[in-house]
Amino acid sequence: MRKCEDLSGRTYGRLLVLRRAHNDKSHNTMWLCRCECGTEKINQAGCLKSAAVISCGCAKRNQWQTHGLSKHPEYHCWIGMIKRCYNINEPAYPRYGGRGIIVCDRWRKSPKAFFDDMGPRPTGYEIDRVDNNGPYAPENCRWASFLQQANNRRSNFVISHNGESLTLMEWSRRTGVKRTTIRARIARGLPPEQALRC
């Protein structure tokens, strides 16, 4: 068997990884796991890490179906959050898990806990981290509109003036000065009070 990351002893959802199993026919790395209910099952490493599999099947039967979470938009937000942070094959992984963003243990183990903490997702809103360098956790997350998310991007240009720190776009909307004009003034070395003047 080829050398790979040792998952023995790790817990993924309700599954405890016992030992390496033989690769499947497609040469995927497989691991023998024991579920909290006592059932042992072989799972792909990728499925464990991405949370595509979190139990032998009992979680879906006993929890997700009971609460109907799999049919709700909050559940799909939860799945996306887990994939971004733990699935190295996910396109967004480099911007999340690849730079150390994690999901708190409570949420990682339970979509119901995520729903209980966040509540229903308002139409048109997505999960947003207040601190972009912080984890997905109750104290750092909110349902945010597209505009709120856009204003919270790491790439935003933030200007502080009169005790307020707003993005370039927010200052442009407030003052009526084009954002390109504000940016050009700042680049020339003008202080905020002059850069934001009409």
N, C-alpha and C. Protein backbone atom coordinates (compact mmCIF):
# COMPACT_ATOMS: atom_id res chain seq x y z
N MET A 1 0.84 -1.19 0.00
CA MET A 1 0.00 0.00 0.00
C MET A 1 0.88 1.25 0.00
N ARG A 2 0.46 2.27 -0.75
CA ARG A 2 1.24 3.48 -0.84
C ARG A 2 1.22 4.26 0.47
N LYS A 3 2.28 5.04 0.68
CA LYS A 3 2.37 5.84 1.89
C LYS A 3 1.36 6.97 1.83
N CYS A 4 0.70 7.24 2.95
CA CYS A 4 -0.29 8.32 3.00
C CYS A 4 -0.38 8.84 4.44
N GLU A 5 -1.12 9.92 4.60
CA GLU A 5 -1.32 10.49 5.93
C GLU A 5 -2.01 9.47 6.83
N ASP A 6 -1.49 9.29 8.04
CA ASP A 6 -2.06 8.31 8.97
C ASP A 6 -3.24 8.93 9.70
N LEU A 7 -4.43 8.38 9.47
CA LEU A 7 -5.64 8.88 10.11
C LEU A 7 -6.02 8.06 11.34
N SER A 8 -5.23 7.04 11.67
CA SER A 8 -5.56 6.18 12.80
C SER A 8 -5.75 6.97 14.08
N GLY A 9 -6.86 6.67 14.79
CA GLY A 9 -7.15 7.33 16.05
C GLY A 9 -7.91 8.63 15.91
N ARG A 10 -8.05 9.14 14.70
CA ARG A 10 -8.79 10.38 14.51
C ARG A 10 -10.30 10.11 14.48
N THR A 11 -11.05 11.15 14.82
CA THR A 11 -12.50 11.05 14.82
C THR A 11 -13.07 11.98 13.77
N TYR A 12 -13.97 11.44 12.94
CA TYR A 12 -14.66 12.23 11.92
C TYR A 12 -16.15 12.02 12.13
N GLY A 13 -16.81 13.05 12.67
CA GLY A 13 -18.22 12.90 13.00
C GLY A 13 -18.37 11.83 14.07
N ARG A 14 -19.11 10.76 13.75
CA ARG A 14 -19.31 9.65 14.70
C ARG A 14 -18.31 8.52 14.48
N LEU A 15 -17.41 8.70 13.53
CA LEU A 15 -16.50 7.61 13.15
C LEU A 15 -15.13 7.75 13.78
N LEU A 16 -14.66 6.68 14.41
CA LEU A 16 -13.30 6.59 14.92
C LEU A 16 -12.50 5.74 13.94
N VAL A 17 -11.41 6.29 13.42
CA VAL A 17 -10.58 5.55 12.46
C VAL A 17 -9.73 4.53 13.21
N LEU A 18 -9.89 3.25 12.86
CA LEU A 18 -9.15 2.18 13.54
C LEU A 18 -7.80 1.90 12.88
N ARG A 19 -7.83 1.63 11.58
CA ARG A 19 -6.58 1.30 10.88
C ARG A 19 -6.78 1.39 9.37
N ARG A 20 -5.66 1.35 8.68
CA ARG A 20 -5.65 1.40 7.21
C ARG A 20 -6.24 0.11 6.65
N ALA A 21 -7.01 0.26 5.59
CA ALA A 21 -7.55 -0.90 4.88
C ALA A 21 -6.95 -0.91 3.48
N HIS A 22 -7.19 -1.98 2.74
CA HIS A 22 -6.66 -2.05 1.38
C HIS A 22 -7.35 -1.02 0.49
N ASN A 23 -6.59 -0.45 -0.45
CA ASN A 23 -7.16 0.50 -1.39
C ASN A 23 -8.29 -0.15 -2.19
N ASP A 24 -9.23 0.65 -2.64
CA ASP A 24 -10.30 0.08 -3.46
C ASP A 24 -9.82 -0.07 -4.90
N LYS A 25 -10.71 -0.50 -5.80
CA LYS A 25 -10.32 -0.78 -7.19
C LYS A 25 -9.83 0.47 -7.92
N SER A 26 -10.24 1.62 -7.44
CA SER A 26 -9.80 2.88 -8.07
C SER A 26 -8.56 3.45 -7.40
N HIS A 27 -7.96 2.65 -6.50
CA HIS A 27 -6.74 3.02 -5.77
C HIS A 27 -6.94 4.14 -4.77
N ASN A 28 -8.18 4.35 -4.32
CA ASN A 28 -8.44 5.32 -3.27
C ASN A 28 -7.98 4.76 -1.92
N THR A 29 -7.41 5.61 -1.09
CA THR A 29 -6.97 5.18 0.24
C THR A 29 -8.19 4.93 1.12
N MET A 30 -8.23 3.75 1.76
CA MET A 30 -9.38 3.35 2.54
C MET A 30 -8.99 3.13 4.00
N TRP A 31 -9.96 3.37 4.91
CA TRP A 31 -9.72 3.22 6.34
C TRP A 31 -10.88 2.49 7.00
N LEU A 32 -10.53 1.58 7.90
CA LEU A 32 -11.56 0.88 8.68
C LEU A 32 -11.94 1.78 9.85
N CYS A 33 -13.24 2.04 9.99
CA CYS A 33 -13.74 2.94 11.03
C CYS A 33 -14.79 2.24 11.89
N ARG A 34 -14.89 2.69 13.15
CA ARG A 34 -15.96 2.20 14.02
C ARG A 34 -16.87 3.38 14.37
N CYS A 35 -18.16 3.19 14.10
CA CYS A 35 -19.14 4.22 14.40
C CYS A 35 -19.50 4.19 15.88
N GLU A 36 -20.03 5.29 16.39
CA GLU A 36 -20.46 5.34 17.79
C GLU A 36 -21.50 4.28 18.12
N CYS A 37 -22.26 3.86 17.09
CA CYS A 37 -23.28 2.85 17.32
C CYS A 37 -22.69 1.44 17.37
N GLY A 38 -21.37 1.31 17.09
CA GLY A 38 -20.70 0.02 17.15
C GLY A 38 -20.44 -0.62 15.80
N THR A 39 -21.04 -0.13 14.76
CA THR A 39 -20.87 -0.68 13.41
C THR A 39 -19.50 -0.31 12.86
N GLU A 40 -18.82 -1.29 12.24
CA GLU A 40 -17.53 -1.02 11.59
C GLU A 40 -17.74 -0.96 10.08
N LYS A 41 -17.07 0.00 9.46
CA LYS A 41 -17.26 0.22 8.03
C LYS A 41 -15.98 0.79 7.44
N ILE A 42 -15.69 0.42 6.19
CA ILE A 42 -14.52 0.94 5.49
C ILE A 42 -14.93 2.16 4.68
N ASN A 43 -14.15 3.24 4.82
CA ASN A 43 -14.46 4.50 4.14
C ASN A 43 -13.23 5.08 3.45
N GLN A 44 -13.47 5.85 2.40
CA GLN A 44 -12.39 6.55 1.70
C GLN A 44 -11.86 7.68 2.57
N ALA A 45 -10.56 7.92 2.52
CA ALA A 45 -9.95 9.01 3.28
C ALA A 45 -10.57 10.35 2.90
N GLY A 46 -10.76 10.57 1.61
CA GLY A 46 -11.33 11.84 1.15
C GLY A 46 -12.72 12.09 1.67
N CYS A 47 -13.52 11.04 1.75
CA CYS A 47 -14.90 11.18 2.25
C CYS A 47 -14.90 11.52 3.73
N LEU A 48 -13.95 10.97 4.47
CA LEU A 48 -13.85 11.28 5.90
C LEU A 48 -13.44 12.73 6.10
N LYS A 49 -12.42 13.18 5.39
CA LYS A 49 -11.89 14.53 5.57
C LYS A 49 -12.87 15.60 5.13
N SER A 50 -13.65 15.31 4.10
CA SER A 50 -14.59 16.32 3.59
C SER A 50 -15.93 16.28 4.30
N ALA A 51 -16.09 15.33 5.25
CA ALA A 51 -17.35 15.16 5.99
C ALA A 51 -18.48 14.67 5.11
N ALA A 52 -18.13 14.10 3.95
CA ALA A 52 -19.16 13.49 3.12
C ALA A 52 -19.72 12.27 3.84
N VAL A 53 -18.89 11.65 4.70
CA VAL A 53 -19.31 10.52 5.53
C VAL A 53 -18.99 10.87 6.97
N ILE A 54 -19.99 10.83 7.85
CA ILE A 54 -19.73 11.12 9.27
C ILE A 54 -20.21 10.00 10.19
N SER A 55 -20.78 8.95 9.60
CA SER A 55 -21.25 7.81 10.39
C SER A 55 -21.38 6.60 9.48
N CYS A 56 -21.82 5.50 10.05
CA CYS A 56 -22.06 4.31 9.24
C CYS A 56 -23.34 4.44 8.42
N GLY A 57 -24.07 5.49 8.69
CA GLY A 57 -25.37 5.71 8.06
C GLY A 57 -26.43 6.02 9.10
N CYS A 58 -26.10 5.74 10.38
CA CYS A 58 -27.07 5.96 11.44
C CYS A 58 -27.34 7.43 11.69
N ALA A 59 -26.34 8.30 11.43
CA ALA A 59 -26.54 9.74 11.65
C ALA A 59 -27.62 10.26 10.71
N LYS A 60 -27.55 9.81 9.47
CA LYS A 60 -28.55 10.26 8.50
C LYS A 60 -29.93 9.73 8.87
N ARG A 61 -29.96 8.48 9.30
CA ARG A 61 -31.25 7.89 9.66
C ARG A 61 -31.82 8.53 10.92
N ASN A 62 -30.95 8.68 11.94
CA ASN A 62 -31.43 9.11 13.25
C ASN A 62 -31.47 10.61 13.46
N GLN A 63 -30.59 11.35 12.76
CA GLN A 63 -30.52 12.77 13.04
C GLN A 63 -31.04 13.61 11.88
N TRP A 64 -30.43 13.48 10.71
CA TRP A 64 -30.79 14.36 9.61
C TRP A 64 -32.22 14.14 9.14
N GLN A 65 -32.62 12.89 9.05
CA GLN A 65 -33.99 12.64 8.62
C GLN A 65 -34.99 13.06 9.70
N THR A 66 -34.62 12.82 10.97
CA THR A 66 -35.50 13.20 12.06
C THR A 66 -35.76 14.69 12.06
N HIS A 67 -34.70 15.47 11.84
CA HIS A 67 -34.83 16.92 11.88
C HIS A 67 -35.09 17.53 10.50
N GLY A 68 -35.01 16.71 9.46
CA GLY A 68 -35.26 17.21 8.11
C GLY A 68 -34.22 18.20 7.62
N LEU A 69 -33.01 18.15 8.20
CA LEU A 69 -32.00 19.15 7.86
C LEU A 69 -31.48 19.02 6.43
N SER A 70 -31.46 17.81 5.89
CA SER A 70 -30.89 17.63 4.57
C SER A 70 -31.69 18.36 3.50
N LYS A 71 -32.91 18.77 3.79
CA LYS A 71 -33.74 19.47 2.81
C LYS A 71 -33.71 20.98 2.99
N HIS A 72 -32.95 21.46 3.97
CA HIS A 72 -32.94 22.88 4.28
C HIS A 72 -31.68 23.56 3.73
N PRO A 73 -31.78 24.84 3.39
CA PRO A 73 -30.59 25.56 2.87
C PRO A 73 -29.47 25.65 3.89
N GLU A 74 -29.80 25.64 5.18
CA GLU A 74 -28.76 25.70 6.21
C GLU A 74 -27.86 24.47 6.16
N TYR A 75 -28.43 23.33 5.81
CA TYR A 75 -27.64 22.11 5.72
C TYR A 75 -26.62 22.22 4.58
N HIS A 76 -27.04 22.79 3.46
CA HIS A 76 -26.13 22.93 2.32
C HIS A 76 -25.02 23.95 2.63
N CYS A 77 -25.34 24.97 3.43
CA CYS A 77 -24.31 25.90 3.90
C CYS A 77 -23.30 25.17 4.78
N TRP A 78 -23.82 24.28 5.63
CA TRP A 78 -22.95 23.51 6.53
C TRP A 78 -22.00 22.62 5.72
N ILE A 79 -22.55 21.92 4.73
CA ILE A 79 -21.73 21.04 3.88
C ILE A 79 -20.64 21.86 3.18
N GLY A 80 -21.03 23.01 2.61
CA GLY A 80 -20.06 23.85 1.91
C GLY A 80 -18.96 24.34 2.83
N MET A 81 -19.32 24.70 4.04
CA MET A 81 -18.36 25.17 5.04
C MET A 81 -17.34 24.08 5.36
N ILE A 82 -17.81 22.86 5.57
CA ILE A 82 -16.93 21.74 5.87
C ILE A 82 -15.99 21.47 4.71
N LYS A 83 -16.52 21.46 3.50
CA LYS A 83 -15.70 21.18 2.32
C LYS A 83 -14.62 22.23 2.13
N ARG A 84 -14.97 23.50 2.29
CA ARG A 84 -13.98 24.57 2.09
C ARG A 84 -12.81 24.45 3.06
N CYS A 85 -13.10 23.96 4.25
CA CYS A 85 -12.05 23.89 5.28
C CYS A 85 -11.28 22.58 5.33
N TYR A 86 -11.87 21.48 4.83
CA TYR A 86 -11.22 20.18 5.05
C TYR A 86 -11.03 19.32 3.79
N ASN A 87 -11.61 19.70 2.68
CA ASN A 87 -11.46 18.90 1.46
C ASN A 87 -10.44 19.56 0.55
N ILE A 88 -9.24 18.99 0.46
CA ILE A 88 -8.16 19.60 -0.33
C ILE A 88 -8.49 19.64 -1.81
N ASN A 89 -9.48 18.88 -2.25
CA ASN A 89 -9.87 18.88 -3.66
C ASN A 89 -10.93 19.95 -3.97
N GLU A 90 -11.42 20.62 -2.95
CA GLU A 90 -12.41 21.68 -3.14
C GLU A 90 -11.70 22.93 -3.69
N PRO A 91 -12.21 23.52 -4.79
CA PRO A 91 -11.53 24.69 -5.38
C PRO A 91 -11.28 25.83 -4.40
N ALA A 92 -12.20 26.02 -3.44
CA ALA A 92 -12.03 27.12 -2.49
C ALA A 92 -11.11 26.78 -1.32
N TYR A 93 -10.65 25.53 -1.23
CA TYR A 93 -9.83 25.10 -0.09
C TYR A 93 -8.62 26.00 0.18
N PRO A 94 -7.85 26.42 -0.85
CA PRO A 94 -6.67 27.25 -0.56
C PRO A 94 -6.99 28.54 0.19
N ARG A 95 -8.20 29.09 -0.01
CA ARG A 95 -8.57 30.35 0.66
C ARG A 95 -9.15 30.12 2.05
N TYR A 96 -9.39 28.86 2.40
CA TYR A 96 -10.01 28.54 3.68
C TYR A 96 -9.12 27.57 4.47
N GLY A 97 -9.34 26.27 4.31
CA GLY A 97 -8.53 25.30 5.03
C GLY A 97 -7.05 25.45 4.73
N GLY A 98 -6.72 25.83 3.50
CA GLY A 98 -5.33 25.98 3.10
C GLY A 98 -4.60 27.09 3.82
N ARG A 99 -5.34 28.04 4.38
CA ARG A 99 -4.68 29.10 5.16
C ARG A 99 -5.05 29.03 6.64
N GLY A 100 -5.54 27.86 7.06
CA GLY A 100 -5.74 27.63 8.49
C GLY A 100 -7.12 27.90 9.03
N ILE A 101 -8.11 28.18 8.18
CA ILE A 101 -9.47 28.41 8.66
C ILE A 101 -10.09 27.06 9.04
N ILE A 102 -10.66 26.96 10.22
CA ILE A 102 -11.25 25.72 10.71
C ILE A 102 -12.72 25.93 11.07
N VAL A 103 -13.39 24.82 11.31
CA VAL A 103 -14.76 24.83 11.81
C VAL A 103 -14.70 24.37 13.26
N CYS A 104 -15.35 25.07 14.17
CA CYS A 104 -15.31 24.68 15.58
C CYS A 104 -15.83 23.25 15.73
N ASP A 105 -15.36 22.56 16.76
CA ASP A 105 -15.72 21.15 16.97
C ASP A 105 -17.22 20.94 17.03
N ARG A 106 -17.93 21.83 17.70
CA ARG A 106 -19.38 21.68 17.86
C ARG A 106 -20.07 21.64 16.50
N TRP A 107 -19.69 22.55 15.60
CA TRP A 107 -20.32 22.59 14.28
C TRP A 107 -19.82 21.49 13.37
N ARG A 108 -18.54 21.18 13.48
CA ARG A 108 -17.98 20.17 12.58
C ARG A 108 -18.64 18.81 12.80
N LYS A 109 -19.02 18.54 14.02
CA LYS A 109 -19.59 17.23 14.34
C LYS A 109 -21.09 17.15 14.12
N SER A 110 -21.77 18.30 14.02
CA SER A 110 -23.23 18.24 14.00
C SER A 110 -23.87 19.36 13.19
N PRO A 111 -24.54 19.03 12.10
CA PRO A 111 -25.29 20.06 11.37
C PRO A 111 -26.42 20.63 12.21
N LYS A 112 -26.95 19.84 13.13
CA LYS A 112 -28.03 20.33 14.00
C LYS A 112 -27.51 21.43 14.93
N ALA A 113 -26.30 21.24 15.47
CA ALA A 113 -25.71 22.26 16.33
C ALA A 113 -25.50 23.56 15.55
N PHE A 114 -25.07 23.42 14.30
CA PHE A 114 -24.90 24.59 13.43
C PHE A 114 -26.23 25.32 13.26
N PHE A 115 -27.28 24.56 12.98
CA PHE A 115 -28.61 25.15 12.80
C PHE A 115 -29.11 25.80 14.10
N ASP A 116 -28.90 25.11 15.23
CA ASP A 116 -29.35 25.65 16.52
C ASP A 116 -28.68 26.99 16.83
N ASP A 117 -27.38 27.11 16.49
CA ASP A 117 -26.63 28.33 16.80
C ASP A 117 -26.93 29.46 15.82
N MET A 118 -27.05 29.12 14.54
CA MET A 118 -27.21 30.15 13.51
C MET A 118 -28.67 30.51 13.24
N GLY A 119 -29.57 29.57 13.45
CA GLY A 119 -30.97 29.81 13.14
C GLY A 119 -31.22 29.74 11.65
N PRO A 120 -32.46 29.98 11.22
CA PRO A 120 -32.80 29.89 9.79
C PRO A 120 -32.02 30.93 8.97
N ARG A 121 -31.65 30.55 7.76
CA ARG A 121 -30.93 31.46 6.87
C ARG A 121 -31.92 32.36 6.14
N PRO A 122 -31.82 33.68 6.30
CA PRO A 122 -32.72 34.57 5.55
C PRO A 122 -32.49 34.43 4.05
N THR A 123 -33.52 34.59 3.28
CA THR A 123 -33.42 34.47 1.83
C THR A 123 -32.39 35.45 1.28
N GLY A 124 -31.49 34.92 0.45
CA GLY A 124 -30.46 35.75 -0.17
C GLY A 124 -29.23 35.98 0.69
N TYR A 125 -29.21 35.41 1.89
CA TYR A 125 -28.07 35.58 2.79
C TYR A 125 -27.19 34.32 2.79
N GLU A 126 -25.91 34.51 3.12
CA GLU A 126 -24.96 33.41 3.24
C GLU A 126 -24.20 33.54 4.55
N ILE A 127 -23.55 32.46 4.95
CA ILE A 127 -22.76 32.52 6.18
C ILE A 127 -21.53 33.38 5.95
N ASP A 128 -21.19 34.19 6.94
CA ASP A 128 -20.08 35.12 6.83
C ASP A 128 -19.32 35.17 8.14
N ARG A 129 -17.99 35.15 8.07
CA ARG A 129 -17.17 35.28 9.27
C ARG A 129 -16.85 36.76 9.51
N VAL A 130 -17.14 37.25 10.69
CA VAL A 130 -16.87 38.64 11.04
C VAL A 130 -15.38 38.93 10.93
N ASP A 131 -14.57 38.04 11.51
CA ASP A 131 -13.11 38.12 11.38
C ASP A 131 -12.71 37.12 10.30
N ASN A 132 -12.26 37.62 9.15
CA ASN A 132 -11.92 36.74 8.03
C ASN A 132 -10.76 35.80 8.32
N ASN A 133 -10.00 36.08 9.37
CA ASN A 133 -8.90 35.19 9.73
C ASN A 133 -9.30 34.24 10.86
N GLY A 134 -10.54 34.37 11.33
CA GLY A 134 -11.02 33.54 12.43
C GLY A 134 -11.76 32.31 11.95
N PRO A 135 -12.17 31.46 12.86
CA PRO A 135 -12.81 30.19 12.52
C PRO A 135 -14.30 30.35 12.22
N TYR A 136 -14.87 29.29 11.68
CA TYR A 136 -16.32 29.18 11.62
C TYR A 136 -16.76 28.74 13.01
N ALA A 137 -17.35 29.65 13.76
CA ALA A 137 -17.76 29.39 15.14
C ALA A 137 -18.90 30.36 15.47
N PRO A 138 -19.74 30.02 16.46
CA PRO A 138 -20.90 30.87 16.79
C PRO A 138 -20.55 32.33 17.03
N GLU A 139 -19.43 32.57 17.73
CA GLU A 139 -19.08 33.95 18.08
C GLU A 139 -18.48 34.73 16.92
N ASN A 140 -18.18 34.05 15.80
CA ASN A 140 -17.53 34.73 14.68
C ASN A 140 -18.34 34.66 13.39
N CYS A 141 -19.57 34.16 13.45
CA CYS A 141 -20.35 33.98 12.23
C CYS A 141 -21.71 34.65 12.30
N ARG A 142 -22.21 35.00 11.14
CA ARG A 142 -23.53 35.62 11.02
C ARG A 142 -24.07 35.29 9.63
N TRP A 143 -25.37 35.47 9.46
CA TRP A 143 -25.97 35.43 8.12
C TRP A 143 -25.79 36.82 7.55
N ALA A 144 -25.18 36.94 6.38
CA ALA A 144 -24.89 38.25 5.81
C ALA A 144 -25.40 38.36 4.38
N SER A 145 -25.79 39.58 4.02
CA SER A 145 -26.21 39.85 2.65
C SER A 145 -24.98 39.90 1.75
N PHE A 146 -25.21 39.93 0.45
CA PHE A 146 -24.09 40.01 -0.50
C PHE A 146 -23.26 41.27 -0.25
N LEU A 147 -23.94 42.38 0.04
CA LEU A 147 -23.24 43.64 0.28
C LEU A 147 -22.36 43.55 1.53
N GLN A 148 -22.91 42.96 2.59
CA GLN A 148 -22.12 42.80 3.82
C GLN A 148 -20.89 41.93 3.57
N GLN A 149 -21.08 40.86 2.81
CA GLN A 149 -19.95 39.98 2.50
C GLN A 149 -18.91 40.70 1.66
N ALA A 150 -19.37 41.47 0.68
CA ALA A 150 -18.44 42.20 -0.19
C ALA A 150 -17.62 43.19 0.63
N ASN A 151 -18.26 43.83 1.61
CA ASN A 151 -17.55 44.80 2.45
C ASN A 151 -16.61 44.13 3.44
N ASN A 152 -16.74 42.82 3.62
CA ASN A 152 -15.94 42.11 4.61
C ASN A 152 -14.81 41.30 3.99
N ARG A 153 -14.55 41.48 2.70
CA ARG A 153 -13.49 40.73 2.04
C ARG A 153 -12.13 41.20 2.52
N ARG A 154 -11.16 40.24 2.56
CA ARG A 154 -9.81 40.58 2.98
C ARG A 154 -9.15 41.58 2.04
N SER A 155 -9.56 41.54 0.76
CA SER A 155 -8.93 42.38 -0.25
C SER A 155 -9.44 43.82 -0.23
N ASN A 156 -10.42 44.12 0.61
CA ASN A 156 -10.99 45.47 0.63
C ASN A 156 -9.97 46.52 1.08
N PHE A 157 -10.11 47.70 0.51
CA PHE A 157 -9.28 48.84 0.86
C PHE A 157 -10.03 49.64 1.92
N VAL A 158 -9.54 49.65 3.14
CA VAL A 158 -10.23 50.29 4.26
C VAL A 158 -9.58 51.65 4.58
N ILE A 159 -10.42 52.66 4.75
CA ILE A 159 -9.94 54.02 5.07
C ILE A 159 -10.56 54.43 6.41
N SER A 160 -9.71 54.93 7.30
CA SER A 160 -10.17 55.40 8.60
C SER A 160 -10.21 56.93 8.59
N HIS A 161 -11.36 57.47 9.03
CA HIS A 161 -11.53 58.93 9.03
C HIS A 161 -12.59 59.30 10.06
N ASN A 162 -12.29 60.29 10.88
CA ASN A 162 -13.22 60.76 11.92
C ASN A 162 -13.73 59.62 12.81
N GLY A 163 -12.85 58.71 13.15
CA GLY A 163 -13.22 57.62 14.05
C GLY A 163 -13.97 56.48 13.41
N GLU A 164 -14.14 56.50 12.09
CA GLU A 164 -14.82 55.42 11.38
C GLU A 164 -13.87 54.74 10.41
N SER A 165 -13.97 53.43 10.29
CA SER A 165 -13.19 52.67 9.32
C SER A 165 -14.16 52.00 8.36
N LEU A 166 -14.17 52.49 7.12
CA LEU A 166 -15.08 51.97 6.11
C LEU A 166 -14.30 51.58 4.86
N THR A 167 -14.90 50.72 4.05
CA THR A 167 -14.25 50.33 2.81
C THR A 167 -14.31 51.48 1.82
N LEU A 168 -13.49 51.38 0.80
CA LEU A 168 -13.47 52.38 -0.26
C LEU A 168 -14.86 52.56 -0.87
N MET A 169 -15.54 51.45 -1.12
CA MET A 169 -16.88 51.50 -1.71
C MET A 169 -17.87 52.21 -0.77
N GLU A 170 -17.77 51.92 0.53
CA GLU A 170 -18.68 52.55 1.48
C GLU A 170 -18.45 54.05 1.55
N TRP A 171 -17.17 54.48 1.55
CA TRP A 171 -16.89 55.92 1.57
C TRP A 171 -17.39 56.57 0.29
N SER A 172 -17.25 55.88 -0.84
CA SER A 172 -17.72 56.42 -2.12
C SER A 172 -19.22 56.65 -2.10
N ARG A 173 -19.95 55.67 -1.56
CA ARG A 173 -21.41 55.81 -1.48
C ARG A 173 -21.81 56.96 -0.54
N ARG A 174 -21.07 57.08 0.56
CA ARG A 174 -21.42 58.09 1.55
C ARG A 174 -21.10 59.51 1.07
N THR A 175 -19.95 59.69 0.41
CA THR A 175 -19.52 61.03 0.02
C THR A 175 -19.95 61.44 -1.38
N GLY A 176 -20.24 60.45 -2.24
CA GLY A 176 -20.57 60.75 -3.62
C GLY A 176 -19.34 60.90 -4.51
N VAL A 177 -18.15 60.71 -3.94
CA VAL A 177 -16.91 60.78 -4.71
C VAL A 177 -16.63 59.40 -5.29
N LYS A 178 -16.26 59.36 -6.57
CA LYS A 178 -15.99 58.08 -7.22
C LYS A 178 -14.86 57.36 -6.49
N ARG A 179 -14.99 56.03 -6.39
CA ARG A 179 -13.96 55.27 -5.66
C ARG A 179 -12.61 55.36 -6.35
N THR A 180 -12.60 55.45 -7.69
CA THR A 180 -11.32 55.57 -8.40
C THR A 180 -10.64 56.89 -8.05
N THR A 181 -11.45 57.92 -7.84
CA THR A 181 -10.90 59.23 -7.45
C THR A 181 -10.31 59.17 -6.05
N ILE A 182 -11.05 58.54 -5.14
CA ILE A 182 -10.55 58.41 -3.76
C ILE A 182 -9.25 57.63 -3.74
N ARG A 183 -9.24 56.50 -4.46
CA ARG A 183 -8.02 55.66 -4.47
C ARG A 183 -6.83 56.43 -5.06
N ALA A 184 -7.08 57.17 -6.13
CA ALA A 184 -6.00 57.93 -6.76
C ALA A 184 -5.46 59.00 -5.81
N ARG A 185 -6.35 59.64 -5.06
CA ARG A 185 -5.92 60.67 -4.11
C ARG A 185 -5.09 60.06 -2.99
N ILE A 186 -5.53 58.91 -2.49
CA ILE A 186 -4.77 58.22 -1.43
C ILE A 186 -3.40 57.82 -1.95
N ALA A 187 -3.37 57.33 -3.20
CA ALA A 187 -2.10 56.90 -3.80
C ALA A 187 -1.13 58.07 -3.94
N ARG A 188 -1.68 59.28 -4.13
CA ARG A 188 -0.82 60.48 -4.23
C ARG A 188 -0.35 60.97 -2.87
N GLY A 189 -0.86 60.33 -1.81
CA GLY A 189 -0.41 60.68 -0.46
C GLY A 189 -1.29 61.65 0.27
N LEU A 190 -2.48 61.95 -0.30
CA LEU A 190 -3.39 62.87 0.38
C LEU A 190 -3.99 62.20 1.62
N PRO A 191 -4.19 62.94 2.71
CA PRO A 191 -4.82 62.37 3.91
C PRO A 191 -6.30 62.12 3.63
N PRO A 192 -6.93 61.25 4.43
CA PRO A 192 -8.34 60.89 4.20
C PRO A 192 -9.28 62.09 4.08
N GLU A 193 -9.09 63.11 4.94
CA GLU A 193 -10.01 64.26 4.90
C GLU A 193 -9.99 64.96 3.55
N GLN A 194 -8.85 64.92 2.85
CA GLN A 194 -8.78 65.53 1.52
C GLN A 194 -9.19 64.54 0.44
N ALA A 195 -8.84 63.29 0.62
CA ALA A 195 -9.18 62.28 -0.38
C ALA A 195 -10.68 62.07 -0.50
N LEU A 196 -11.40 62.30 0.60
CA LEU A 196 -12.84 62.05 0.60
C LEU A 196 -13.66 63.30 0.32
N ARG A 197 -12.98 64.42 0.07
CA ARG A 197 -13.70 65.68 -0.13
C ARG A 197 -14.29 65.74 -1.53
N CYS A 198 -15.55 66.22 -1.62
CA CYS A 198 -16.22 66.37 -2.91
C CYS A 198 -15.59 67.48 -3.73
